[in-house]
């Protein structure tokens, strides 16, 4: 994830769209937020309300940040129990 965070926002977006597994979408204020899983971490792509351009990217491993999605997704395939 450290290397991912050093990439530009355009490089991160491209990498997530090519290699990431799409999990869910949610709305927050005026943003559409797409959730992906890539390698061993999660990534949120924050789109403006028009859904065209990525304004922000957030990457994380802590499951507590998945709370907004828990009612809509099954993460059992990407989270190991070991």
N, C-alpha and C. Protein backbone atom coordinates (compact mmCIF):
# COMPACT_ATOMS: atom_id res chain seq x y z
N UNK A 1 0.83 -1.18 0.00
CA UNK A 1 0.00 0.00 0.00
C UNK A 1 0.88 1.26 0.00
N UNK A 2 2.04 1.17 0.59
CA UNK A 2 2.95 2.32 0.63
C UNK A 2 3.32 2.77 -0.78
N UNK A 3 3.66 1.81 -1.64
CA UNK A 3 4.00 2.15 -3.03
C UNK A 3 2.81 2.74 -3.76
N UNK A 4 1.63 2.18 -3.50
CA UNK A 4 0.40 2.68 -4.12
C UNK A 4 0.17 4.14 -3.77
N UNK A 5 0.37 4.49 -2.53
CA UNK A 5 0.14 5.86 -2.08
C UNK A 5 1.11 6.87 -2.67
N UNK A 6 2.26 6.39 -3.14
CA UNK A 6 3.24 7.28 -3.76
C UNK A 6 2.90 7.61 -5.21
N UNK A 7 1.99 6.85 -5.81
CA UNK A 7 1.59 7.09 -7.20
C UNK A 7 0.73 8.35 -7.29
N UNK A 8 0.64 8.93 -8.48
CA UNK A 8 -0.26 10.06 -8.69
C UNK A 8 -1.70 9.57 -8.64
N UNK A 9 -2.63 10.47 -8.49
CA UNK A 9 -4.04 10.09 -8.44
C UNK A 9 -4.47 9.41 -9.74
N UNK A 10 -3.94 9.85 -10.87
CA UNK A 10 -4.26 9.21 -12.15
C UNK A 10 -3.70 7.80 -12.23
N UNK A 11 -2.48 7.60 -11.74
CA UNK A 11 -1.87 6.27 -11.74
C UNK A 11 -2.62 5.33 -10.79
N UNK A 12 -3.00 5.85 -9.63
CA UNK A 12 -3.76 5.04 -8.67
C UNK A 12 -5.09 4.61 -9.28
N UNK A 13 -5.79 5.56 -9.90
CA UNK A 13 -7.09 5.27 -10.50
C UNK A 13 -6.96 4.19 -11.57
N UNK A 14 -5.99 4.32 -12.44
CA UNK A 14 -5.77 3.34 -13.50
C UNK A 14 -5.46 1.95 -12.92
N UNK A 15 -4.60 1.90 -11.93
CA UNK A 15 -4.23 0.63 -11.30
C UNK A 15 -5.44 -0.04 -10.65
N UNK A 16 -6.23 0.73 -9.95
CA UNK A 16 -7.41 0.17 -9.28
C UNK A 16 -8.40 -0.36 -10.30
N UNK A 17 -8.63 0.38 -11.36
CA UNK A 17 -9.59 -0.05 -12.37
C UNK A 17 -9.11 -1.28 -13.13
N UNK A 18 -7.79 -1.43 -13.29
CA UNK A 18 -7.25 -2.59 -14.01
C UNK A 18 -7.15 -3.83 -13.13
N UNK A 19 -6.69 -3.66 -11.89
CA UNK A 19 -6.38 -4.82 -11.05
C UNK A 19 -7.27 -5.00 -9.85
N UNK A 20 -8.04 -3.99 -9.53
CA UNK A 20 -8.87 -4.06 -8.34
C UNK A 20 -10.16 -4.83 -8.56
N UNK A 21 -10.70 -5.37 -7.49
CA UNK A 21 -12.00 -6.04 -7.51
C UNK A 21 -13.03 -5.06 -6.97
N UNK A 22 -14.00 -4.73 -7.81
CA UNK A 22 -15.06 -3.81 -7.40
C UNK A 22 -15.95 -4.48 -6.36
N UNK A 23 -16.25 -3.76 -5.28
CA UNK A 23 -17.06 -4.32 -4.21
C UNK A 23 -18.40 -3.63 -4.03
N UNK A 24 -18.40 -2.29 -4.05
CA UNK A 24 -19.64 -1.59 -3.73
C UNK A 24 -19.54 -0.12 -4.09
N UNK A 25 -20.68 0.55 -3.98
CA UNK A 25 -20.76 2.00 -4.17
C UNK A 25 -21.62 2.59 -3.07
N UNK A 26 -21.30 3.81 -2.68
CA UNK A 26 -22.13 4.54 -1.71
C UNK A 26 -22.10 6.01 -2.05
N UNK A 27 -23.01 6.75 -1.45
CA UNK A 27 -23.05 8.20 -1.62
C UNK A 27 -22.73 8.86 -0.30
N UNK A 28 -22.00 9.97 -0.37
CA UNK A 28 -21.71 10.77 0.81
C UNK A 28 -21.65 12.22 0.38
N UNK A 29 -22.55 13.01 0.94
CA UNK A 29 -22.67 14.41 0.54
C UNK A 29 -22.82 14.49 -0.97
N UNK A 30 -21.89 15.13 -1.65
CA UNK A 30 -22.02 15.27 -3.10
C UNK A 30 -21.07 14.33 -3.85
N UNK A 31 -20.65 13.24 -3.21
CA UNK A 31 -19.72 12.31 -3.82
C UNK A 31 -20.34 10.93 -4.02
N UNK A 32 -19.92 10.26 -5.09
CA UNK A 32 -20.18 8.83 -5.30
C UNK A 32 -18.87 8.13 -5.00
N UNK A 33 -18.90 7.15 -4.12
CA UNK A 33 -17.66 6.50 -3.66
C UNK A 33 -17.70 5.02 -4.03
N UNK A 34 -16.76 4.63 -4.87
CA UNK A 34 -16.65 3.23 -5.30
C UNK A 34 -15.59 2.55 -4.45
N UNK A 35 -15.93 1.37 -3.94
CA UNK A 35 -15.01 0.60 -3.10
C UNK A 35 -14.44 -0.56 -3.90
N UNK A 36 -13.11 -0.71 -3.82
CA UNK A 36 -12.38 -1.79 -4.49
C UNK A 36 -11.47 -2.49 -3.49
N UNK A 37 -11.10 -3.72 -3.84
CA UNK A 37 -10.07 -4.44 -3.09
C UNK A 37 -8.96 -4.76 -4.07
N UNK A 38 -7.71 -4.42 -3.70
CA UNK A 38 -6.56 -4.68 -4.57
C UNK A 38 -5.40 -5.18 -3.70
N UNK A 39 -4.78 -6.24 -4.13
CA UNK A 39 -3.70 -6.88 -3.37
C UNK A 39 -4.19 -7.21 -1.96
N UNK A 40 -3.78 -6.45 -0.96
CA UNK A 40 -4.18 -6.74 0.42
C UNK A 40 -4.78 -5.53 1.13
N UNK A 41 -5.37 -4.62 0.36
CA UNK A 41 -5.98 -3.44 0.96
C UNK A 41 -7.19 -2.97 0.16
N UNK A 42 -7.95 -2.10 0.77
CA UNK A 42 -9.15 -1.54 0.15
C UNK A 42 -8.85 -0.15 -0.38
N UNK A 43 -9.58 0.24 -1.42
CA UNK A 43 -9.42 1.57 -2.00
C UNK A 43 -10.79 2.15 -2.29
N UNK A 44 -10.97 3.40 -1.91
CA UNK A 44 -12.18 4.14 -2.27
C UNK A 44 -11.82 5.17 -3.33
N UNK A 45 -12.55 5.16 -4.43
CA UNK A 45 -12.42 6.20 -5.45
C UNK A 45 -13.59 7.16 -5.24
N UNK A 46 -13.30 8.39 -4.90
CA UNK A 46 -14.32 9.41 -4.64
C UNK A 46 -14.55 10.22 -5.91
N UNK A 47 -15.73 10.06 -6.49
CA UNK A 47 -16.10 10.78 -7.70
C UNK A 47 -16.98 11.97 -7.35
N UNK A 48 -16.84 13.04 -8.13
CA UNK A 48 -17.78 14.14 -7.99
C UNK A 48 -19.16 13.63 -8.37
N UNK A 49 -20.19 14.34 -8.04
CA UNK A 49 -21.56 13.85 -8.24
C UNK A 49 -21.87 13.53 -9.70
N UNK A 50 -21.11 14.10 -10.65
CA UNK A 50 -21.33 13.77 -12.06
C UNK A 50 -20.77 12.39 -12.41
N UNK A 51 -19.96 11.81 -11.51
CA UNK A 51 -19.44 10.46 -11.70
C UNK A 51 -18.37 10.32 -12.76
N UNK A 52 -17.82 11.45 -13.19
CA UNK A 52 -16.83 11.40 -14.28
C UNK A 52 -15.39 11.43 -13.78
N UNK A 53 -15.08 12.34 -12.87
CA UNK A 53 -13.69 12.50 -12.46
C UNK A 53 -13.50 12.10 -11.00
N UNK A 54 -12.35 11.46 -10.73
CA UNK A 54 -12.00 11.06 -9.38
C UNK A 54 -11.39 12.28 -8.68
N UNK A 55 -12.00 12.67 -7.57
CA UNK A 55 -11.52 13.83 -6.83
C UNK A 55 -10.58 13.45 -5.69
N UNK A 56 -10.75 12.24 -5.19
CA UNK A 56 -9.98 11.81 -4.03
C UNK A 56 -9.89 10.29 -4.01
N UNK A 57 -8.79 9.80 -3.45
CA UNK A 57 -8.62 8.34 -3.28
C UNK A 57 -8.20 8.09 -1.84
N UNK A 58 -8.85 7.10 -1.25
CA UNK A 58 -8.48 6.70 0.11
C UNK A 58 -8.18 5.22 0.11
N UNK A 59 -7.02 4.84 0.61
CA UNK A 59 -6.65 3.42 0.72
C UNK A 59 -6.49 3.08 2.20
N UNK A 60 -6.89 1.84 2.54
CA UNK A 60 -6.84 1.44 3.95
C UNK A 60 -6.89 -0.08 4.07
N UNK A 61 -6.46 -0.55 5.23
CA UNK A 61 -6.53 -1.97 5.58
C UNK A 61 -7.48 -2.22 6.74
N UNK A 62 -7.68 -1.23 7.56
CA UNK A 62 -8.50 -1.41 8.77
C UNK A 62 -9.96 -1.62 8.40
N UNK A 63 -10.50 -2.70 8.91
CA UNK A 63 -11.88 -3.07 8.59
C UNK A 63 -12.89 -2.07 9.13
N UNK A 64 -12.53 -1.29 10.12
CA UNK A 64 -13.48 -0.31 10.66
C UNK A 64 -13.91 0.71 9.62
N UNK A 65 -13.08 0.93 8.60
CA UNK A 65 -13.44 1.90 7.55
C UNK A 65 -14.45 1.33 6.56
N UNK A 66 -14.76 0.04 6.69
CA UNK A 66 -15.77 -0.58 5.84
C UNK A 66 -17.18 -0.42 6.40
N UNK A 67 -17.30 0.15 7.58
CA UNK A 67 -18.60 0.26 8.24
C UNK A 67 -19.71 0.83 7.34
N UNK A 68 -19.46 1.87 6.53
CA UNK A 68 -20.54 2.39 5.68
C UNK A 68 -21.05 1.38 4.64
N UNK A 69 -20.28 0.32 4.40
CA UNK A 69 -20.63 -0.66 3.37
C UNK A 69 -21.20 -1.96 3.93
N UNK A 70 -21.11 -2.17 5.21
CA UNK A 70 -21.37 -3.50 5.78
C UNK A 70 -22.76 -4.05 5.50
N UNK A 71 -23.72 -3.22 5.30
CA UNK A 71 -25.06 -3.71 4.99
C UNK A 71 -25.25 -4.08 3.53
N UNK A 72 -24.26 -3.75 2.69
CA UNK A 72 -24.45 -3.95 1.25
C UNK A 72 -23.48 -4.91 0.60
N UNK A 73 -22.39 -5.32 1.29
CA UNK A 73 -21.40 -6.17 0.63
C UNK A 73 -21.05 -7.39 1.47
N UNK A 74 -20.56 -8.41 0.79
CA UNK A 74 -20.03 -9.61 1.43
C UNK A 74 -18.54 -9.62 1.18
N UNK A 75 -17.74 -9.41 2.23
CA UNK A 75 -16.29 -9.34 2.07
C UNK A 75 -15.59 -10.64 2.47
N UNK A 76 -16.34 -11.69 2.67
CA UNK A 76 -15.75 -12.95 3.16
C UNK A 76 -14.70 -13.51 2.19
N UNK A 77 -14.84 -13.24 0.90
CA UNK A 77 -13.87 -13.77 -0.06
C UNK A 77 -12.53 -13.04 -0.03
N UNK A 78 -12.52 -11.79 0.47
CA UNK A 78 -11.28 -11.01 0.43
C UNK A 78 -10.65 -10.83 1.80
N UNK A 79 -11.33 -11.24 2.85
CA UNK A 79 -10.80 -11.13 4.20
C UNK A 79 -10.57 -12.53 4.74
N UNK A 80 -9.31 -12.85 5.00
CA UNK A 80 -9.02 -14.18 5.52
C UNK A 80 -9.29 -14.22 7.01
N UNK A 81 -9.63 -15.38 7.50
CA UNK A 81 -9.92 -15.53 8.93
C UNK A 81 -8.70 -15.94 9.72
N UNK A 82 -7.56 -16.01 9.07
CA UNK A 82 -6.35 -16.44 9.78
C UNK A 82 -5.64 -15.30 10.44
